[in-house]
Amino acid sequence: MVKIYVANLAKYNEGVLKGAWFTLPTPLEEIYQKVFDEDELDENGNPYGDYVILDYESPRIPQSILKNSSLSELNEIAEKLSQLEDDQADAVLKILERGTVKTLQEAIKKLEDCVFHYGCKNMGDVAYYLYKEIYPELFSSPLENYINWDEVGEDMQCNGIFIELDNGTIVEVL
């Protein structure tokens, strides 16, 4: 859930706080009606002046996205994220935060190329399970005991295609 406090910038600059909290997605018309006076809106309901997002509450969306997005973009982000599973939404936000894609749509599209490694608490676990799938014969020999899976995982992490989610899931972005 994303909550933002939107204020009328002109009033704010005059020392008057005129604004309201909104849970996104919220129609722009509703936001504009609560933040701007009637004489500050054109015939289409759009404001003549600017608004400012003074505060927000979001456990998921990074501050950089919230500060650098328009109300339309924030509504779109909130709407699309609400349609995803929690781990998918977290992965999309981490992909966006990384800067490897520029838009939310690109980040969501990137989900199709992601592999979610559930139950892996670190990259060593991911390395172990991936190598076990690829080279099962390795795991029936004593050689397995001499492999430092944490170091192998660190090397894999250097490729930059892995994202750690807060719930302990590791996502491989192909």
C-alpha atoms as a PDB file:
ATOM      1  CA  MET A   1       0.000   0.000   0.000  1.00  0.00           C
ATOM      2  CA  VAL A   2       1.255   3.449  -0.929  1.00  0.00           C
ATOM      3  CA  LYS A   3       0.119   6.583   0.896  1.00  0.00           C
ATOM      4  CA  ILE A   4       1.232  10.048  -0.117  1.00  0.00           C
ATOM      5  CA  TYR A   5       0.605  13.519   1.253  1.00  0.00           C
ATOM      6  CA  VAL A   6      -0.010  15.919  -1.630  1.00  0.00           C
ATOM      7  CA  ALA A   7       0.006  19.668  -1.024  1.00  0.00           C
ATOM      8  CA  ASN A   8      -0.759  22.733  -3.092  1.00  0.00           C
ATOM      9  CA  LEU A   9       2.693  24.154  -3.850  1.00  0.00           C
ATOM     10  CA  ALA A  10       1.598  27.792  -4.226  1.00  0.00           C
ATOM     11  CA  LYS A  11      -0.189  27.734  -0.861  1.00  0.00           C
ATOM     12  CA  TYR A  12       2.752  25.921   0.712  1.00  0.00           C
ATOM     13  CA  ASN A  13       5.104  28.664  -0.514  1.00  0.00           C
ATOM     14  CA  GLU A  14       2.733  31.214   1.076  1.00  0.00           C
ATOM     15  CA  GLY A  15       3.040  29.399   4.400  1.00  0.00           C
ATOM     16  CA  VAL A  16      -0.366  27.682   4.195  1.00  0.00           C
ATOM     17  CA  LEU A  17      -0.556  23.902   4.290  1.00  0.00           C
ATOM     18  CA  LYS A  18      -3.398  22.834   2.013  1.00  0.00           C
ATOM     19  CA  GLY A  19      -3.243  19.170   1.161  1.00  0.00           C
ATOM     20  CA  ALA A  20      -4.381  15.686   2.052  1.00  0.00           C
ATOM     21  CA  TRP A  21      -3.283  12.065   2.453  1.00  0.00           C
ATOM     22  CA  PHE A  22      -4.201   9.676  -0.356  1.00  0.00           C
ATOM     23  CA  THR A  23      -3.934   5.923  -0.653  1.00  0.00           C
ATOM     24  CA  LEU A  24      -2.887   5.084  -4.188  1.00  0.00           C
ATOM     25  CA  PRO A  25      -4.249   4.438  -6.675  1.00  0.00           C
ATOM     26  CA  THR A  26      -6.588   7.448  -6.385  1.00  0.00           C
ATOM     27  CA  PRO A  27      -8.108   9.248  -9.386  1.00  0.00           C
ATOM     28  CA  LEU A  28      -6.252  12.482 -10.179  1.00  0.00           C
ATOM     29  CA  GLU A  29      -9.526  14.414 -10.188  1.00  0.00           C
ATOM     30  CA  GLU A  30     -10.126  13.439  -6.557  1.00  0.00           C
ATOM     31  CA  ILE A  31      -6.621  14.512  -5.570  1.00  0.00           C
ATOM     32  CA  TYR A  32      -6.901  17.823  -7.391  1.00  0.00           C
ATOM     33  CA  GLN A  33     -10.309  18.603  -5.832  1.00  0.00           C
ATOM     34  CA  LYS A  34      -8.942  18.141  -2.316  1.00  0.00           C
ATOM     35  CA  VAL A  35      -5.643  19.921  -2.873  1.00  0.00           C
ATOM     36  CA  PHE A  36      -6.704  22.882  -5.034  1.00  0.00           C
ATOM     37  CA  ASP A  37      -9.515  25.425  -4.721  1.00  0.00           C
ATOM     38  CA  GLU A  38     -12.105  25.586  -7.516  1.00  0.00           C
ATOM     39  CA  ASP A  39     -10.598  28.754  -8.965  1.00  0.00           C
ATOM     40  CA  GLU A  40      -7.234  26.953  -9.211  1.00  0.00           C
ATOM     41  CA  LEU A  41      -8.639  24.285 -11.563  1.00  0.00           C
ATOM     42  CA  ASP A  42      -9.292  24.652 -15.292  1.00  0.00           C
ATOM     43  CA  GLU A  43     -12.485  23.529 -17.057  1.00  0.00           C
ATOM     44  CA  ASN A  44     -11.103  19.955 -17.253  1.00  0.00           C
ATOM     45  CA  GLY A  45     -10.400  19.812 -13.526  1.00  0.00           C
ATOM     46  CA  ASN A  46      -6.630  20.116 -13.928  1.00  0.00           C
ATOM     47  CA  PRO A  47      -4.751  22.522 -11.676  1.00  0.00           C
ATOM     48  CA  TYR A  48      -3.195  25.727 -12.950  1.00  0.00           C
ATOM     49  CA  GLY A  49      -0.505  25.444 -10.303  1.00  0.00           C
ATOM     50  CA  ASP A  50       1.806  22.732  -9.108  1.00  0.00           C
ATOM     51  CA  TYR A  51       1.573  20.220  -6.312  1.00  0.00           C
ATOM     52  CA  VAL A  52       4.252  18.756  -4.106  1.00  0.00           C
ATOM     53  CA  ILE A  53       4.440  15.376  -2.388  1.00  0.00           C
ATOM     54  CA  LEU A  54       5.507  16.292   1.139  1.00  0.00           C
ATOM     55  CA  ASP A  55       5.370  12.883   2.771  1.00  0.00           C
ATOM     56  CA  TYR A  56       4.740   9.249   1.971  1.00  0.00           C
ATOM     57  CA  GLU A  57       4.286   5.881   3.583  1.00  0.00           C
ATOM     58  CA  SER A  58       5.303   2.877   1.574  1.00  0.00           C
ATOM     59  CA  PRO A  59       7.043  -0.196   2.865  1.00  0.00           C
ATOM     60  CA  ARG A  60       7.940  -1.216  -0.675  1.00  0.00           C
ATOM     61  CA  ILE A  61       8.454   1.644  -3.095  1.00  0.00           C
ATOM     62  CA  PRO A  62      11.901   3.224  -2.773  1.00  0.00           C
ATOM     63  CA  GLN A  63      12.149   6.911  -1.948  1.00  0.00           C
ATOM     64  CA  SER A  64      13.909   7.627  -5.262  1.00  0.00           C
ATOM     65  CA  ILE A  65      10.887   6.403  -7.231  1.00  0.00           C
ATOM     66  CA  LEU A  66       8.405   8.242  -5.015  1.00  0.00           C
ATOM     67  CA  LYS A  67      10.289  11.530  -5.236  1.00  0.00           C
ATOM     68  CA  ASN A  68      10.902  11.409  -8.978  1.00  0.00           C
ATOM     69  CA  SER A  69       7.490  10.284 -10.236  1.00  0.00           C
ATOM     70  CA  SER A  70       4.357  12.178 -11.166  1.00  0.00           C
ATOM     71  CA  LEU A  71       0.984  11.436  -9.569  1.00  0.00           C
ATOM     72  CA  SER A  72      -0.033   9.588 -12.736  1.00  0.00           C
ATOM     73  CA  GLU A  73       3.082   7.425 -12.599  1.00  0.00           C
ATOM     74  CA  LEU A  74       2.634   6.723  -8.884  1.00  0.00           C
ATOM     75  CA  ASN A  75      -0.991   5.715  -9.459  1.00  0.00           C
ATOM     76  CA  GLU A  76       0.111   3.403 -12.256  1.00  0.00           C
ATOM     77  CA  ILE A  77       2.872   1.888 -10.135  1.00  0.00           C
ATOM     78  CA  ALA A  78       0.491   1.294  -7.199  1.00  0.00           C
ATOM     79  CA  GLU A  79      -2.145  -0.248  -9.500  1.00  0.00           C
ATOM     80  CA  LYS A  80       0.269  -2.594 -11.261  1.00  0.00           C
ATOM     81  CA  LEU A  81       2.035  -3.620  -8.067  1.00  0.00           C
ATOM     82  CA  SER A  82      -1.296  -4.498  -6.451  1.00  0.00           C
ATOM     83  CA  GLN A  83      -1.849  -7.038  -9.247  1.00  0.00           C
ATOM     84  CA  LEU A  84       1.410  -8.884  -8.512  1.00  0.00           C
ATOM     85  CA  GLU A  85       2.349 -11.389  -5.841  1.00  0.00           C
ATOM     86  CA  ASP A  86       4.409  -9.850  -3.019  1.00  0.00           C
ATOM     87  CA  ASP A  87       7.716 -11.390  -4.112  1.00  0.00           C
ATOM     88  CA  GLN A  88       7.100 -10.361  -7.728  1.00  0.00           C
ATOM     89  CA  ALA A  89       6.312  -6.783  -6.705  1.00  0.00           C
ATOM     90  CA  ASP A  90       9.453  -6.663  -4.562  1.00  0.00           C
ATOM     91  CA  ALA A  91      11.529  -7.971  -7.482  1.00  0.00           C
ATOM     92  CA  VAL A  92      10.045  -5.360  -9.843  1.00  0.00           C
ATOM     93  CA  LEU A  93      10.922  -2.569  -7.420  1.00  0.00           C
ATOM     94  CA  LYS A  94      14.468  -3.861  -6.938  1.00  0.00           C
ATOM     95  CA  ILE A  95      14.918  -4.092 -10.726  1.00  0.00           C
ATOM     96  CA  LEU A  96      13.689  -0.500 -11.069  1.00  0.00           C
ATOM     97  CA  GLU A  97      15.922   0.650  -8.226  1.00  0.00           C
ATOM     98  CA  ARG A  98      18.948  -0.909  -9.939  1.00  0.00           C
ATOM     99  CA  GLY A  99      18.422   1.245 -12.988  1.00  0.00           C
ATOM    100  CA  THR A 100      18.814  -1.582 -15.500  1.00  0.00           C
ATOM    101  CA  VAL A 101      15.389  -0.671 -16.899  1.00  0.00           C
ATOM    102  CA  LYS A 102      13.786   2.745 -17.116  1.00  0.00           C
ATOM    103  CA  THR A 103      10.064   2.068 -16.771  1.00  0.00           C
ATOM    104  CA  LEU A 104       7.741   0.040 -14.628  1.00  0.00           C
ATOM    105  CA  GLN A 105       6.494  -1.772 -17.730  1.00  0.00           C
ATOM    106  CA  GLU A 106      10.047  -2.855 -18.584  1.00  0.00           C
ATOM    107  CA  ALA A 107      10.593  -4.082 -15.029  1.00  0.00           C
ATOM    108  CA  ILE A 108       7.346  -6.087 -15.060  1.00  0.00           C
ATOM    109  CA  LYS A 109       8.252  -7.526 -18.467  1.00  0.00           C
ATOM    110  CA  LYS A 110      11.621  -8.507 -16.979  1.00  0.00           C
ATOM    111  CA  LEU A 111       9.746 -10.739 -14.496  1.00  0.00           C
ATOM    112  CA  GLU A 112       9.191 -13.192 -17.353  1.00  0.00           C
ATOM    113  CA  ASP A 113      12.965 -13.725 -17.403  1.00  0.00           C
ATOM    114  CA  CYS A 114      13.359 -14.109 -13.633  1.00  0.00           C
ATOM    115  CA  VAL A 115      13.975 -17.304 -11.729  1.00  0.00           C
ATOM    116  CA  PHE A 116      12.928 -17.173  -8.076  1.00  0.00           C
ATOM    117  CA  HIS A 117      15.118 -19.231  -5.745  1.00  0.00           C
ATOM    118  CA  TYR A 118      12.894 -19.779  -2.732  1.00  0.00           C
ATOM    119  CA  GLY A 119      14.416 -20.995   0.496  1.00  0.00           C
ATOM    120  CA  CYS A 120      17.911 -19.833  -0.400  1.00  0.00           C
ATOM    121  CA  LYS A 121      19.180 -17.697   2.432  1.00  0.00           C
ATOM    122  CA  ASN A 122      22.307 -16.572   0.565  1.00  0.00           C
ATOM    123  CA  MET A 123      24.142 -16.812  -2.734  1.00  0.00           C
ATOM    124  CA  GLY A 124      26.033 -19.882  -1.504  1.00  0.00           C
ATOM    125  CA  ASP A 125      22.705 -21.737  -1.348  1.00  0.00           C
ATOM    126  CA  VAL A 126      21.847 -20.595  -4.872  1.00  0.00           C
ATOM    127  CA  ALA A 127      25.229 -21.733  -6.175  1.00  0.00           C
ATOM    128  CA  TYR A 128      24.830 -25.120  -4.489  1.00  0.00           C
ATOM    129  CA  TYR A 129      21.382 -25.747  -5.959  1.00  0.00           C
ATOM    130  CA  LEU A 130      22.259 -24.482  -9.445  1.00  0.00           C
ATOM    131  CA  TYR A 131      25.412 -26.584  -9.654  1.00  0.00           C
ATOM    132  CA  LYS A 132      23.547 -29.585  -8.277  1.00  0.00           C
ATOM    133  CA  GLU A 133      21.062 -29.253 -11.175  1.00  0.00           C
ATOM    134  CA  ILE A 134      23.761 -28.742 -13.815  1.00  0.00           C
ATOM    135  CA  TYR A 135      26.426 -31.158 -12.540  1.00  0.00           C
ATOM    136  CA  PRO A 136      24.696 -33.882 -10.509  1.00  0.00           C
ATOM    137  CA  GLU A 137      27.736 -36.166 -10.893  1.00  0.00           C
ATOM    138  CA  LEU A 138      29.792 -33.681  -8.877  1.00  0.00           C
ATOM    139  CA  PHE A 139      27.588 -34.340  -5.870  1.00  0.00           C
ATOM    140  CA  SER A 140      28.227 -38.047  -5.821  1.00  0.00           C
ATOM    141  CA  SER A 141      31.996 -37.565  -5.458  1.00  0.00           C
ATOM    142  CA  PRO A 142      34.205 -36.491  -2.541  1.00  0.00           C
ATOM    143  CA  LEU A 143      35.051 -33.333  -4.520  1.00  0.00           C
ATOM    144  CA  GLU A 144      31.802 -31.781  -3.281  1.00  0.00           C
ATOM    145  CA  ASN A 145      33.273 -31.488   0.228  1.00  0.00           C
ATOM    146  CA  TYR A 146      36.072 -29.221  -1.012  1.00  0.00           C
ATOM    147  CA  ILE A 147      33.897 -26.607  -2.681  1.00  0.00           C
ATOM    148  CA  ASN A 148      33.235 -23.381  -0.810  1.00  0.00           C
ATOM    149  CA  TRP A 149      29.712 -22.633  -2.011  1.00  0.00           C
ATOM    150  CA  ASP A 150      29.674 -19.190  -0.410  1.00  0.00           C
ATOM    151  CA  GLU A 151      32.670 -18.160  -2.537  1.00  0.00           C
ATOM    152  CA  VAL A 152      31.110 -19.649  -5.656  1.00  0.00           C
ATOM    153  CA  GLY A 153      27.968 -17.676  -4.804  1.00  0.00           C
ATOM    154  CA  GLU A 154      29.981 -14.476  -4.375  1.00  0.00           C
ATOM    155  CA  ASP A 155      31.488 -14.990  -7.833  1.00  0.00           C
ATOM    156  CA  MET A 156      28.006 -15.495  -9.244  1.00  0.00           C
ATOM    157  CA  GLN A 157      26.853 -12.312  -7.495  1.00  0.00           C
ATOM    158  CA  CYS A 158      29.605 -10.370  -9.293  1.00  0.00           C
ATOM    159  CA  ASN A 159      27.765 -11.054 -12.549  1.00  0.00           C
ATOM    160  CA  GLY A 160      25.116  -8.687 -11.213  1.00  0.00           C
ATOM    161  CA  ILE A 161      22.130 -10.781 -12.205  1.00  0.00           C
ATOM    162  CA  PHE A 162      20.987 -11.684  -8.698  1.00  0.00           C
ATOM    163  CA  ILE A 163      18.705  -9.701  -6.407  1.00  0.00           C
ATOM    164  CA  GLU A 164      18.072 -10.519  -2.753  1.00  0.00           C
ATOM    165  CA  LEU A 165      14.532  -9.886  -1.531  1.00  0.00           C
ATOM    166  CA  ASP A 166      13.696  -9.023   2.050  1.00  0.00           C
ATOM    167  CA  ASN A 167      11.863 -12.328   2.579  1.00  0.00           C
ATOM    168  CA  GLY A 168      15.035 -14.342   1.896  1.00  0.00           C
ATOM    169  CA  THR A 169      14.216 -15.181  -1.704  1.00  0.00           C
ATOM    170  CA  ILE A 170      16.921 -14.658  -4.279  1.00  0.00           C
ATOM    171  CA  VAL A 171      15.882 -13.697  -7.804  1.00  0.00           C
ATOM    172  CA  GLU A 172      17.973 -14.440 -10.854  1.00  0.00           C
ATOM    173  CA  VAL A 173      17.333 -11.823 -13.533  1.00  0.00           C
ATOM    174  CA  LEU A 174      18.275 -13.330 -16.877  1.00  0.00           C
END
